[in-house]
C-alpha atoms as a PDB file:
ATOM      1  CA  MET A   1      -2.639  23.072   3.086  1.00  0.00           C
ATOM      2  CA  ILE A   2      -2.767  19.256   2.487  1.00  0.00           C
ATOM      3  CA  SER A   3      -3.504  17.313   5.632  1.00  0.00           C
ATOM      4  CA  GLY A   4      -3.359  13.909   4.013  1.00  0.00           C
ATOM      5  CA  ALA A   5      -4.093  11.660   1.315  1.00  0.00           C
ATOM      6  CA  HIS A   6      -7.153   9.382   0.327  1.00  0.00           C
ATOM      7  CA  VAL A   7      -6.196   6.403  -1.866  1.00  0.00           C
ATOM      8  CA  VAL A   8      -8.743   4.523  -3.902  1.00  0.00           C
ATOM      9  CA  LEU A   9      -8.359   1.139  -5.220  1.00  0.00           C
ATOM     10  CA  TYR A  10     -10.794  -0.204  -7.278  1.00  0.00           C
ATOM     11  CA  SER A  11     -11.768  -3.978  -6.878  1.00  0.00           C
ATOM     12  CA  ARG A  12     -14.221  -6.737  -8.021  1.00  0.00           C
ATOM     13  CA  ASP A  13     -14.268  -7.876  -4.386  1.00  0.00           C
ATOM     14  CA  ALA A  14     -14.148  -4.627  -2.264  1.00  0.00           C
ATOM     15  CA  ASP A  15     -15.285  -6.184   1.060  1.00  0.00           C
ATOM     16  CA  ALA A  16     -12.718  -8.990   0.817  1.00  0.00           C
ATOM     17  CA  ASP A  17      -9.714  -6.515  -0.288  1.00  0.00           C
ATOM     18  CA  ARG A  18     -10.814  -3.961   2.616  1.00  0.00           C
ATOM     19  CA  ALA A  19     -10.886  -6.982   5.180  1.00  0.00           C
ATOM     20  CA  PHE A  20      -7.505  -8.385   3.875  1.00  0.00           C
ATOM     21  CA  LEU A  21      -5.880  -4.940   4.009  1.00  0.00           C
ATOM     22  CA  ARG A  22      -7.165  -4.341   7.587  1.00  0.00           C
ATOM     23  CA  ASP A  23      -6.001  -7.728   8.859  1.00  0.00           C
ATOM     24  CA  ALA A  24      -2.918  -8.570   6.971  1.00  0.00           C
ATOM     25  CA  PHE A  25      -1.228  -5.357   7.177  1.00  0.00           C
ATOM     26  CA  ASP A  26      -2.841  -4.299  10.389  1.00  0.00           C
ATOM     27  CA  LEU A  27      -4.382  -1.050   9.129  1.00  0.00           C
ATOM     28  CA  PRO A  28      -6.694   0.663  11.580  1.00  0.00           C
ATOM     29  CA  GLY A  29     -10.081   1.432  10.059  1.00  0.00           C
ATOM     30  CA  VAL A  30     -13.539   2.997  10.747  1.00  0.00           C
ATOM     31  CA  ASP A  31     -16.842   2.067   9.111  1.00  0.00           C
ATOM     32  CA  VAL A  32     -18.392   4.918   7.879  1.00  0.00           C
ATOM     33  CA  GLY A  33     -21.612   3.017   7.107  1.00  0.00           C
ATOM     34  CA  ALA A  34     -23.281   0.049   5.675  1.00  0.00           C
ATOM     35  CA  GLY A  35     -19.800  -1.847   6.123  1.00  0.00           C
ATOM     36  CA  TRP A  36     -18.124   0.586   4.152  1.00  0.00           C
ATOM     37  CA  LEU A  37     -14.468   0.537   5.660  1.00  0.00           C
ATOM     38  CA  ILE A  38     -11.809   3.486   5.339  1.00  0.00           C
ATOM     39  CA  LEU A  39      -8.384   2.263   6.550  1.00  0.00           C
ATOM     40  CA  GLY A  40      -5.868   4.552   8.030  1.00  0.00           C
ATOM     41  CA  LEU A  41      -2.251   5.013   6.547  1.00  0.00           C
ATOM     42  CA  PRO A  42       0.839   6.270   7.816  1.00  0.00           C
ATOM     43  CA  PRO A  43       2.491   9.309   6.257  1.00  0.00           C
ATOM     44  CA  ALA A  44       2.592   9.313   2.610  1.00  0.00           C
ATOM     45  CA  GLU A  45       4.529  10.855  -0.402  1.00  0.00           C
ATOM     46  CA  ILE A  46       3.691  11.297  -4.259  1.00  0.00           C
ATOM     47  CA  ALA A  47       5.986  10.986  -7.071  1.00  0.00           C
ATOM     48  CA  VAL A  48       5.081  12.147 -10.720  1.00  0.00           C
ATOM     49  CA  HIS A  49       6.508  10.162 -13.389  1.00  0.00           C
ATOM     50  CA  PRO A  50       6.587  10.843 -17.061  1.00  0.00           C
ATOM     51  CA  ALA A  51       4.022   8.952 -18.990  1.00  0.00           C
ATOM     52  CA  GLU A  52       2.620   8.969 -22.606  1.00  0.00           C
ATOM     53  CA  ALA A  53      -1.118   8.924 -21.307  1.00  0.00           C
ATOM     54  CA  ASN A  54      -2.582  10.586 -18.091  1.00  0.00           C
ATOM     55  CA  ASP A  55      -4.898   8.974 -15.610  1.00  0.00           C
ATOM     56  CA  LEU A  56      -2.481   5.884 -14.955  1.00  0.00           C
ATOM     57  CA  HIS A  57      -1.718   5.703 -11.122  1.00  0.00           C
ATOM     58  CA  GLU A  58       0.117   3.136  -9.041  1.00  0.00           C
ATOM     59  CA  VAL A  59      -0.090   2.519  -5.329  1.00  0.00           C
ATOM     60  CA  TYR A  60       2.894   1.071  -3.185  1.00  0.00           C
ATOM     61  CA  LEU A  61       2.800   0.899   0.470  1.00  0.00           C
ATOM     62  CA  LEU A  62       6.378   1.639   2.266  1.00  0.00           C
ATOM     63  CA  CYS A  63       8.088  -0.505   4.928  1.00  0.00           C
ATOM     64  CA  ASP A  64      11.379  -0.170   6.702  1.00  0.00           C
ATOM     65  CA  ASP A  65      12.340  -3.856   6.217  1.00  0.00           C
ATOM     66  CA  ILE A  66      11.046  -5.672   3.197  1.00  0.00           C
ATOM     67  CA  ASP A  67      12.431  -9.276   4.423  1.00  0.00           C
ATOM     68  CA  ALA A  68      10.707  -8.786   7.592  1.00  0.00           C
ATOM     69  CA  PHE A  69       7.594  -7.687   6.158  1.00  0.00           C
ATOM     70  CA  ALA A  70       7.628 -10.605   3.392  1.00  0.00           C
ATOM     71  CA  ALA A  71       8.013 -13.035   6.522  1.00  0.00           C
ATOM     72  CA  ALA A  72       5.349 -11.389   8.367  1.00  0.00           C
ATOM     73  CA  MET A  73       2.945 -11.827   5.503  1.00  0.00           C
ATOM     74  CA  GLN A  74       4.245 -15.502   4.946  1.00  0.00           C
ATOM     75  CA  ASP A  75       3.323 -16.267   8.753  1.00  0.00           C
ATOM     76  CA  ARG A  76      -0.133 -14.855   8.034  1.00  0.00           C
ATOM     77  CA  GLY A  77      -0.465 -17.361   5.167  1.00  0.00           C
ATOM     78  CA  VAL A  78      -0.341 -14.487   2.308  1.00  0.00           C
ATOM     79  CA  ASP A  79       1.777 -15.431  -0.545  1.00  0.00           C
ATOM     80  CA  VAL A  80       3.926 -12.512  -1.606  1.00  0.00           C
ATOM     81  CA  SER A  81       6.193 -12.523  -5.031  1.00  0.00           C
ATOM     82  CA  GLU A  82      10.098 -12.779  -4.249  1.00  0.00           C
ATOM     83  CA  VAL A  83      11.945  -9.775  -3.169  1.00  0.00           C
ATOM     84  CA  HIS A  84      12.861  -7.651  -6.497  1.00  0.00           C
ATOM     85  CA  ASN A  85      15.595  -5.025  -6.441  1.00  0.00           C
ATOM     86  CA  GLU A  86      15.423  -1.913  -8.150  1.00  0.00           C
ATOM     87  CA  PRO A  87      17.987   1.099  -7.862  1.00  0.00           C
ATOM     88  CA  TRP A  88      15.386   2.841  -6.063  1.00  0.00           C
ATOM     89  CA  GLY A  89      14.074   0.140  -3.725  1.00  0.00           C
ATOM     90  CA  ARG A  90      13.359  -3.463  -2.646  1.00  0.00           C
ATOM     91  CA  LEU A  91       9.903  -4.651  -3.325  1.00  0.00           C
ATOM     92  CA  VAL A  92       7.205  -7.297  -3.430  1.00  0.00           C
ATOM     93  CA  ALA A  93       3.854  -7.682  -5.040  1.00  0.00           C
ATOM     94  CA  VAL A  94       1.200  -8.786  -2.623  1.00  0.00           C
ATOM     95  CA  PRO A  95      -2.098 -10.374  -4.052  1.00  0.00           C
ATOM     96  CA  LEU A  96      -5.469  -8.861  -3.180  1.00  0.00           C
ATOM     97  CA  PRO A  97      -8.468 -11.168  -2.889  1.00  0.00           C
ATOM     98  CA  GLY A  98     -10.301  -9.202  -5.260  1.00  0.00           C
ATOM     99  CA  GLY A  99      -7.816 -10.138  -7.934  1.00  0.00           C
ATOM    100  CA  GLY A 100      -5.511  -7.238  -8.178  1.00  0.00           C
ATOM    101  CA  GLU A 101      -2.026  -6.862  -6.224  1.00  0.00           C
ATOM    102  CA  ILE A 102      -0.698  -4.021  -4.404  1.00  0.00           C
ATOM    103  CA  GLY A 103       3.205  -3.396  -4.348  1.00  0.00           C
ATOM    104  CA  VAL A 104       5.143  -2.918  -1.164  1.00  0.00           C
ATOM    105  CA  TYR A 105       8.853  -1.428  -0.881  1.00  0.00           C
ATOM    106  CA  GLN A 106      11.657  -0.772   1.309  1.00  0.00           C
ATOM    107  CA  PRO A 107      12.702   2.497  -0.189  1.00  0.00           C
ATOM    108  CA  LEU A 108      16.614   2.986  -1.028  1.00  0.00           C
ATOM    109  CA  HIS A 109      16.015   6.696  -2.301  1.00  0.00           C
ATOM    110  CA  GLU A 110      15.938   9.788  -0.067  1.00  0.00           C
ATOM    111  CA  ARG A 111      12.763  10.474   1.699  1.00  0.00           C
ATOM    112  CA  PRO A 112      10.876  13.895   2.094  1.00  0.00           C
ATOM    113  CA  ASP A 113      10.022  15.024   5.609  1.00  0.00           C
ATOM    114  CA  ASN A 114       6.324  14.810   6.006  1.00  0.00           C
ATOM    115  CA  PRO A 115       4.548  17.995   6.866  1.00  0.00           C
ATOM    116  CA  PRO A 116       2.928  18.306  10.192  1.00  0.00           C
ATOM    117  CA  ALA A 117      -0.633  16.993  10.534  1.00  0.00           C
ATOM    118  CA  ARG A 118      -3.260  19.493  10.718  1.00  0.00           C
END
């Protein structure tokens, strides 16, 4: 039934953040017109956490080795936070040119199988 996920990040400098994600994270993309870049992601997962309010969302990208990821970012001139350890994973924050940040983590929790692509 579900064939994928489309994640939307809001940014004060969308062009810079699109280029950053494409180039720093090596994400393939397609220009769907007027420079509007849609970036491809590997398989995804979703978790629902309890909260006092709705419409609060976070985006994390996953990696297999957070230390290697952080080193690769530093080699590309991208400053990332120090690796932070949590019971569920090891993570860094990556600042985006538009002023936001995105989390990247190496999961330590069990991962679901991804349904086959349609």
